[in-house]
Amino acid sequence: MTERGLDELRAALARRYRRVAVSHEWLTIPGGSEKVVAAILELLPHAELFTSVYDPAPWPAVITDRPVHASWLDRVPGARTHYTRLLPFMDSAFRRFDLRGFDLVVSSNHACAKNVRVPEGARHVCYCHTPMRYVWDPGFLENESIGPLGLLAFRAALPRLRRTDLRGAAGVDDFVANSTVVAQRIADYYDRSAVVVHPPVDVDRFLSPTAPTTPLIDRTNAPYLAFGRVVPYKRIDLAVRACERLGRSLIVAGDGRGLDHVRSLAGSHTTILGRVADEDVGALFATCRALLLPGEEDFGIVPVEAQAAELPVIANARGGVRDSVSDGQTGVLYDDPTEAGLCAAIERFEALSFTGQTLRANAQRFAPQRFHEAFASVLLG
């Protein structure tokens, strides 16, 4: 899409909706869901932003150059660092926002952002990254360090949390899912249908300048890569165990609360880089053999970025990567979510061949202009 085409969409949306509110869980550390919010705001430059906790420091102008309304939770000491501990109060925080006078409410939701109270006559479109996984998926907290008492307390609160989540879902007019698997969760948990609009991925900055006739990729001696937030559900521990078992080199790049556990598993074949600067990610992709994704991703922006950089992907097929990775063409999808399953997938990968042209073409399906067109179509529909 040209800039003129984007301007025409903006003008059409401004004519349709005089005042727009966008609600998002929290704005603290940049991640995939925040890239979606930025793309939504590019379509709706006149929108006001509502969030539970707001740290203005790390955000681009598309977020900061507008009214940003933070909830009362933002005044709690330490909230911008320990915001996840405030989850029991998030529903109340979002319900206390006064949205009277808004014609359109767009919620960017994976917890409580959809629970805002929408004024009568306004339309509520929810871009759902996933329904609350820790509420609906019993196994999601298996590897979290919450202890037996914490687990008992969580189980006791589960019926109330589910009722609250269902009440919030009932206030949504239209659901948009970020992947096919999330659309299925919306159907299973909320009994609602959803349009699938994949998140925008800035593939252009990773696309190789190599000519389209790129030969077969041969990185036989390069290390494998586990990249992203190191948190329990992403199962970086499985990547370390599998590569140590097979005697394959592995780079772990990223930071998070699971890093100490991953570091304790690392042997002679594993190098832990920690956090990598955004401008260095492309060079990191170029030096690796394949990206390993052992956890279940709701969609997964990183595997699309990797393919744009001609890096194949080996991924657990239970998640949203089914939408972005073509098995045998741009990577390997496997169904057994264990260490043995990942080992078998790596060995299968090493018997296959991949071309840069195929990887790049697949990644381009998720360029930002595709998101703008598809999401604007939902809002104008």
Protein backbone atom coordinates (compact mmCIF):
# COMPACT_ATOMS: atom_id res chain seq x y z
CA MET A 1 0.00 0.00 0.00
CA THR A 2 1.24 3.47 -0.84
CA GLU A 3 1.23 6.35 1.66
CA ARG A 4 -1.62 7.83 -0.35
CA GLY A 5 -3.62 4.62 0.09
CA LEU A 6 -3.00 4.71 3.84
CA ASP A 7 -4.10 8.35 3.96
CA GLU A 8 -7.34 7.43 2.17
CA LEU A 9 -8.06 4.73 4.76
CA ARG A 10 -7.37 7.20 7.57
CA ALA A 11 -9.74 9.74 6.03
CA ALA A 12 -12.50 7.15 5.60
CA LEU A 13 -12.14 6.03 9.22
CA ALA A 14 -12.12 9.61 10.50
CA ARG A 15 -15.37 10.29 8.61
CA ARG A 16 -16.95 7.11 10.04
CA TYR A 17 -15.77 7.56 13.64
CA ARG A 18 -15.47 11.06 15.09
CA ARG A 19 -13.91 10.00 18.42
CA VAL A 20 -11.94 6.80 18.92
CA ALA A 21 -10.60 5.16 22.08
CA VAL A 22 -7.93 2.45 21.96
CA SER A 23 -7.44 0.38 25.12
CA HIS A 24 -4.34 -1.73 25.69
CA GLU A 25 -3.31 -3.83 28.71
CA TRP A 26 -0.20 -1.86 29.75
CA LEU A 27 2.55 0.17 28.12
CA THR A 28 5.80 -0.69 29.90
CA ILE A 29 8.14 -2.86 27.79
CA PRO A 30 7.90 -2.96 23.96
CA GLY A 31 6.75 -6.29 22.55
CA GLY A 32 4.67 -7.83 19.79
CA SER A 33 1.27 -6.64 21.03
CA GLU A 34 2.56 -3.07 21.25
CA LYS A 35 3.58 -3.25 17.58
CA VAL A 36 -0.05 -4.05 16.82
CA VAL A 37 -1.19 -1.06 18.88
CA ALA A 38 1.20 1.20 16.97
CA ALA A 39 -0.20 -0.07 13.66
CA ILE A 40 -3.77 0.52 14.86
CA LEU A 41 -2.85 4.08 15.84
CA GLU A 42 -1.29 4.65 12.41
CA LEU A 43 -4.74 3.94 10.98
CA LEU A 44 -6.49 6.01 13.66
CA PRO A 45 -4.22 9.03 14.29
CA HIS A 46 -7.07 10.86 16.07
CA ALA A 47 -7.50 8.09 18.66
CA GLU A 48 -6.94 8.50 22.40
CA LEU A 49 -5.14 5.73 24.27
CA PHE A 50 -6.23 4.09 27.54
CA THR A 51 -4.02 1.71 29.51
CA SER A 52 -3.53 0.39 33.04
CA VAL A 53 0.13 1.37 33.55
CA TYR A 54 2.13 3.75 31.34
CA ASP A 55 5.87 4.38 31.17
CA PRO A 56 6.32 6.96 28.37
CA ALA A 57 10.08 6.46 28.02
CA PRO A 58 10.40 3.61 25.47
CA TRP A 59 7.65 4.52 23.02
CA PRO A 60 7.69 6.12 19.56
CA ALA A 61 5.80 9.24 18.65
CA VAL A 62 2.84 7.29 17.24
CA ILE A 63 2.02 6.43 20.87
CA THR A 64 3.25 9.47 22.80
CA ASP A 65 1.91 12.17 20.42
CA ARG A 66 -1.69 11.79 21.59
CA PRO A 67 -3.66 11.79 24.85
CA VAL A 68 -2.62 8.70 26.86
CA HIS A 69 -4.85 7.96 29.86
CA ALA A 70 -3.32 5.71 32.53
CA SER A 71 -5.52 4.09 35.18
CA TRP A 72 -5.27 4.59 38.94
CA LEU A 73 -2.91 1.59 39.03
CA ASP A 74 -0.20 3.75 37.47
CA ARG A 75 0.05 5.62 40.79
CA VAL A 76 0.84 2.45 42.76
CA PRO A 77 4.54 2.45 43.80
CA GLY A 78 6.52 0.09 41.58
CA ALA A 79 3.62 -0.45 39.18
CA ARG A 80 5.69 0.16 36.05
CA THR A 81 8.08 -2.65 37.01
CA HIS A 82 5.78 -5.12 38.76
CA TYR A 83 2.61 -4.55 36.74
CA THR A 84 1.83 -8.28 36.39
CA ARG A 85 1.31 -8.44 40.16
CA LEU A 86 -1.57 -6.00 39.70
CA LEU A 87 -3.58 -8.38 37.48
CA PRO A 88 -6.26 -8.94 40.18
CA PHE A 89 -7.05 -5.20 39.95
CA MET A 90 -6.89 -4.81 36.17
CA ASP A 91 -10.59 -5.45 35.53
CA SER A 92 -11.57 -2.70 37.95
CA ALA A 93 -9.01 -0.34 36.45
CA PHE A 94 -10.34 -0.70 32.91
CA ARG A 95 -13.99 -0.52 33.98
CA ARG A 96 -13.38 2.81 35.70
CA PHE A 97 -12.36 4.58 32.48
CA ASP A 98 -14.98 7.08 31.31
CA LEU A 99 -15.48 6.50 27.58
CA ARG A 100 -18.64 8.57 27.17
CA GLY A 101 -18.64 10.44 23.86
CA PHE A 102 -16.53 7.93 21.93
CA ASP A 103 -17.98 6.43 18.73
CA LEU A 104 -15.51 3.52 18.43
CA VAL A 105 -13.57 1.55 21.02
CA VAL A 106 -10.74 -0.72 19.85
CA SER A 107 -9.32 -2.98 22.55
CA SER A 108 -5.94 -4.66 22.17
CA ASN A 109 -6.52 -7.54 24.53
CA HIS A 110 -4.91 -10.55 26.14
CA ALA A 111 -6.27 -9.96 29.64
CA CYS A 112 -8.62 -7.12 30.69
CA ALA A 113 -8.36 -4.33 28.08
CA LYS A 114 -11.63 -5.52 26.49
CA ASN A 115 -13.43 -5.08 29.83
CA VAL A 116 -13.86 -1.33 29.36
CA ARG A 117 -17.42 -0.08 29.63
CA VAL A 118 -18.44 1.07 26.16
CA PRO A 119 -21.06 3.83 25.86
CA GLU A 120 -24.41 3.00 24.35
CA GLY A 121 -24.36 3.27 20.57
CA ALA A 122 -20.57 2.97 20.27
CA ARG A 123 -18.95 0.03 18.50
CA HIS A 124 -16.41 -2.17 20.29
CA VAL A 125 -13.89 -4.07 18.16
CA CYS A 126 -11.49 -6.31 20.08
CA TYR A 127 -8.17 -7.27 18.54
CA CYS A 128 -7.56 -10.40 20.59
CA HIS A 129 -3.96 -11.56 20.97
CA THR A 130 -5.42 -14.48 22.94
CA PRO A 131 -8.09 -15.04 25.57
CA MET A 132 -6.52 -15.07 29.07
CA ARG A 133 -4.35 -18.17 28.71
CA TYR A 134 -3.66 -18.63 32.42
CA VAL A 135 -7.43 -18.65 33.03
CA TRP A 136 -8.46 -21.04 30.26
CA ASP A 137 -5.35 -23.21 29.75
CA PRO A 138 -4.61 -25.21 32.95
CA GLY A 139 -1.08 -26.07 31.79
CA PHE A 140 0.01 -22.48 31.13
CA LEU A 141 1.30 -21.93 34.67
CA GLU A 142 3.05 -25.29 35.00
CA ASN A 143 6.56 -23.84 34.84
CA GLU A 144 5.89 -20.60 36.73
CA SER A 145 7.43 -20.22 40.19
CA ILE A 146 4.25 -19.43 42.11
CA GLY A 147 4.57 -22.23 44.67
CA PRO A 148 1.89 -24.62 45.98
CA LEU A 149 0.08 -21.95 48.02
CA GLY A 150 0.01 -19.60 45.05
CA LEU A 151 -1.36 -22.37 42.86
CA LEU A 152 -4.09 -23.19 45.40
CA ALA A 153 -5.07 -19.52 45.62
CA PHE A 154 -5.16 -19.26 41.84
CA ARG A 155 -7.37 -22.33 41.52
CA ALA A 156 -9.75 -20.94 44.12
CA ALA A 157 -10.00 -17.68 42.17
CA LEU A 158 -10.38 -19.39 38.77
CA PRO A 159 -14.22 -19.47 38.61
CA ARG A 160 -14.40 -15.74 39.38
CA LEU A 161 -11.67 -14.94 36.84
CA ARG A 162 -13.51 -16.87 34.14
CA ARG A 163 -16.79 -15.11 34.92
CA THR A 164 -15.04 -11.75 34.69
CA ASP A 165 -13.42 -12.68 31.39
CA LEU A 166 -16.73 -13.86 29.92
CA ARG A 167 -18.47 -10.67 31.06
CA GLY A 168 -15.81 -8.61 29.28
CA ALA A 169 -16.16 -10.70 26.12
CA ALA A 170 -19.91 -10.14 26.11
CA GLY A 171 -19.32 -6.41 25.68
CA VAL A 172 -17.44 -6.88 22.39
CA ASP A 173 -19.28 -6.34 19.11
CA ASP A 174 -16.62 -7.80 16.81
CA PHE A 175 -13.64 -10.02 17.57
CA VAL A 176 -10.48 -9.95 15.46
CA ALA A 177 -7.98 -12.75 16.15
CA ASN A 178 -4.26 -12.57 15.47
CA SER A 179 -4.09 -16.18 14.25
CA THR A 180 -6.21 -19.20 13.38
CA VAL A 181 -5.45 -20.88 16.71
CA VAL A 182 -6.58 -17.77 18.63
CA ALA A 183 -9.78 -17.63 16.58
CA GLN A 184 -10.43 -21.22 17.67
CA ARG A 185 -9.84 -20.30 21.33
CA ILE A 186 -12.33 -17.43 20.98
CA ALA A 187 -14.87 -19.91 19.61
CA ASP A 188 -14.12 -22.47 22.35
CA TYR A 189 -14.10 -20.11 25.35
CA TYR A 190 -16.41 -17.27 24.32
CA ASP A 191 -18.63 -19.06 21.77
CA ARG A 192 -17.96 -16.21 19.34
CA SER A 193 -16.62 -16.07 15.81
CA ALA A 194 -13.58 -13.97 14.89
CA VAL A 195 -12.00 -12.59 11.74
CA VAL A 196 -8.29 -13.46 11.49
CA VAL A 197 -6.02 -10.48 10.82
CA HIS A 198 -2.37 -11.33 11.32
CA PRO A 199 -0.18 -8.83 13.20
CA PRO A 200 1.95 -6.41 11.16
CA VAL A 201 5.61 -7.37 10.85
CA ASP A 202 8.25 -4.91 9.69
CA VAL A 203 9.75 -7.42 7.27
CA ASP A 204 11.45 -4.82 5.06
CA ARG A 205 14.23 -4.18 7.56
CA PHE A 206 15.14 -7.88 7.53
CA LEU A 207 14.75 -8.65 3.84
CA SER A 208 18.08 -9.63 2.34
CA PRO A 209 19.31 -7.56 -0.63
CA THR A 210 20.31 -10.85 -2.25
CA ALA A 211 18.80 -11.37 -5.70
CA PRO A 212 15.63 -13.51 -5.92
CA THR A 213 17.69 -16.33 -7.40
CA THR A 214 19.29 -17.05 -4.01
CA PRO A 215 20.74 -20.58 -4.05
CA LEU A 216 20.06 -23.21 -1.44
CA ILE A 217 20.91 -21.99 2.05
CA ASP A 218 23.82 -23.88 3.62
CA ARG A 219 24.63 -22.95 7.21
CA THR A 220 25.69 -26.42 8.29
CA ASN A 221 28.22 -25.25 10.85
CA ALA A 222 26.19 -22.34 12.19
CA PRO A 223 24.54 -22.44 15.65
CA TYR A 224 20.82 -22.73 16.23
CA LEU A 225 19.05 -19.76 17.79
CA ALA A 226 16.48 -19.33 20.57
CA PHE A 227 15.42 -15.69 20.55
CA GLY A 228 12.91 -13.58 22.43
CA ARG A 229 11.60 -13.10 25.94
CA VAL A 230 12.93 -15.88 28.19
CA VAL A 231 9.75 -16.73 30.09
CA PRO A 232 8.53 -20.19 31.10
CA TYR A 233 5.79 -20.72 28.50
CA LYS A 234 8.23 -20.17 25.63
CA ARG A 235 10.12 -23.31 26.79
CA ILE A 236 13.62 -22.10 25.95
CA ASP A 237 14.73 -24.81 28.39
CA LEU A 238 13.70 -27.42 25.81
CA ALA A 239 15.86 -25.76 23.16
CA VAL A 240 18.87 -25.93 25.50
CA ARG A 241 18.22 -29.55 26.50
CA ALA A 242 17.70 -30.69 22.90
CA CYS A 243 20.84 -29.01 21.55
CA GLU A 244 22.98 -30.25 24.43
CA ARG A 245 21.61 -33.76 23.85
CA LEU A 246 22.33 -33.65 20.12
CA GLY A 247 25.67 -31.88 20.48
CA ARG A 248 24.47 -28.87 18.43
CA SER A 249 25.57 -25.31 19.08
CA LEU A 250 22.85 -22.98 20.38
CA ILE A 251 22.68 -19.23 20.99
CA VAL A 252 20.09 -17.99 23.50
CA ALA A 253 19.34 -14.31 22.92
CA GLY A 254 16.87 -12.47 25.11
CA ASP A 255 16.07 -11.66 28.70
CA GLY A 256 13.33 -12.50 31.15
CA ARG A 257 12.43 -14.13 34.43
CA GLY A 258 13.31 -17.60 33.12
CA LEU A 259 16.90 -16.76 32.20
CA ASP A 260 18.48 -18.04 35.42
CA HIS A 261 16.84 -21.44 34.94
CA VAL A 262 17.98 -21.60 31.31
CA ARG A 263 21.50 -20.61 32.35
CA SER A 264 21.57 -23.48 34.86
CA LEU A 265 20.87 -25.96 32.04
CA ALA A 266 23.46 -24.60 29.62
CA GLY A 267 26.42 -26.81 28.83
CA SER A 268 29.38 -26.50 26.50
CA HIS A 269 27.17 -26.23 23.40
CA THR A 270 25.10 -23.26 24.64
CA THR A 271 26.01 -19.57 24.49
CA ILE A 272 23.77 -17.14 26.37
CA LEU A 273 23.88 -13.60 25.00
CA GLY A 274 21.11 -12.04 27.04
CA ARG A 275 19.31 -9.02 25.63
CA VAL A 276 20.24 -8.07 22.05
CA ALA A 277 19.83 -4.52 20.74
CA ASP A 278 17.11 -4.17 18.14
CA GLU A 279 19.57 -2.93 15.51
CA ASP A 280 21.69 -6.09 15.96
CA VAL A 281 18.92 -8.64 15.45
CA GLY A 282 19.36 -8.86 11.66
CA ALA A 283 23.07 -9.63 12.00
CA LEU A 284 22.26 -12.28 14.61
CA PHE A 285 19.77 -13.96 12.27
CA ALA A 286 22.37 -13.98 9.50
CA THR A 287 24.84 -15.99 11.59
CA CYS A 288 22.48 -18.79 12.68
CA ARG A 289 21.23 -22.03 11.16
CA ALA A 290 17.56 -22.00 12.24
CA LEU A 291 15.29 -20.40 14.81
CA LEU A 292 13.97 -22.77 17.49
CA LEU A 293 10.48 -22.16 18.93
CA PRO A 294 9.65 -24.96 21.39
CA GLY A 295 6.78 -23.11 23.13
CA GLU A 296 3.23 -22.52 21.94
CA GLU A 297 3.02 -19.08 20.33
CA ASP A 298 -0.28 -17.23 19.94
CA PHE A 299 1.05 -15.93 16.62
CA GLY A 300 4.75 -15.17 16.81
CA ILE A 301 6.30 -12.11 15.16
CA VAL A 302 9.89 -13.33 15.57
CA PRO A 303 9.49 -16.35 13.24
CA VAL A 304 8.21 -14.04 10.48
CA GLU A 305 11.15 -11.68 10.99
CA ALA A 306 13.50 -14.67 10.85
CA GLN A 307 12.07 -15.87 7.54
CA ALA A 308 12.44 -12.35 6.11
CA ALA A 309 16.14 -12.66 6.99
CA GLU A 310 16.28 -16.07 5.25
CA LEU A 311 16.46 -17.97 8.55
CA PRO A 312 14.29 -21.13 8.60
CA VAL A 313 12.15 -21.93 11.66
CA ILE A 314 11.72 -25.12 13.69
CA ALA A 315 8.55 -24.68 15.75
CA ASN A 316 6.03 -26.39 17.97
CA ALA A 317 3.02 -26.73 15.67
CA ARG A 318 0.45 -26.26 18.43
CA GLY A 319 0.38 -22.49 18.10
CA GLY A 320 0.00 -19.64 15.64
CA VAL A 321 3.12 -20.61 13.70
CA ARG A 322 0.85 -22.85 11.64
CA ASP A 323 -0.20 -19.61 9.93
CA SER A 324 3.32 -18.33 9.28
CA VAL A 325 5.63 -21.34 8.77
CA SER A 326 5.25 -23.68 5.81
CA ASP A 327 6.37 -27.14 6.88
CA GLY A 328 9.19 -28.38 4.67
CA GLN A 329 9.32 -25.10 2.74
CA THR A 330 10.26 -22.41 5.27
CA GLY A 331 10.93 -24.61 8.26
CA VAL A 332 9.77 -27.64 10.21
CA LEU A 333 6.62 -27.94 12.33
CA TYR A 334 6.44 -30.73 14.90
CA ASP A 335 3.63 -31.98 17.12
CA ASP A 336 5.44 -33.66 20.04
CA PRO A 337 6.10 -30.79 22.52
CA THR A 338 8.86 -32.59 24.38
CA GLU A 339 12.65 -32.57 24.28
CA ALA A 340 12.56 -35.76 22.19
CA GLY A 341 10.09 -34.15 19.79
CA LEU A 342 12.35 -31.15 19.26
CA CYS A 343 15.39 -33.40 18.78
CA ALA A 344 13.54 -35.32 16.06
CA ALA A 345 12.47 -32.05 14.41
CA ILE A 346 16.06 -30.77 14.35
CA GLU A 347 17.26 -33.99 12.76
CA ARG A 348 14.48 -33.82 10.17
CA PHE A 349 15.36 -30.19 9.45
CA GLU A 350 18.97 -31.10 8.78
CA ALA A 351 17.89 -33.47 6.00
CA LEU A 352 15.98 -30.72 4.15
CA SER A 353 17.00 -27.80 1.92
CA PHE A 354 15.64 -24.25 1.91
CA THR A 355 15.93 -21.26 -0.41
CA GLY A 356 16.10 -17.60 0.51
CA GLN A 357 13.53 -16.72 -2.14
CA THR A 358 10.87 -18.98 -0.59
CA LEU A 359 11.55 -17.70 2.91
CA ARG A 360 11.40 -14.04 1.89
CA ALA A 361 8.23 -14.45 -0.15
CA ASN A 362 6.47 -16.14 2.75
CA ALA A 363 7.48 -13.38 5.17
CA GLN A 364 6.17 -10.65 2.89
CA ARG A 365 2.62 -11.94 3.45
CA PHE A 366 2.75 -10.26 6.87
CA ALA A 367 3.98 -6.78 5.88
CA PRO A 368 2.29 -3.85 7.69
CA GLN A 369 0.29 -2.76 4.66
CA ARG A 370 -1.54 -6.11 4.71
CA PHE A 371 -2.54 -5.45 8.33
CA HIS A 372 -3.68 -1.89 7.59
CA GLU A 373 -5.88 -3.02 4.72
CA ALA A 374 -7.42 -5.97 6.55
CA PHE A 375 -8.05 -4.20 9.86
CA ALA A 376 -9.47 -1.11 8.16
CA SER A 377 -11.82 -3.41 6.25
CA VAL A 378 -13.15 -4.74 9.56
CA LEU A 379 -13.64 -1.25 11.00
CA LEU A 380 -15.37 0.02 7.87
CA GLY A 381 -17.48 -3.11 7.45
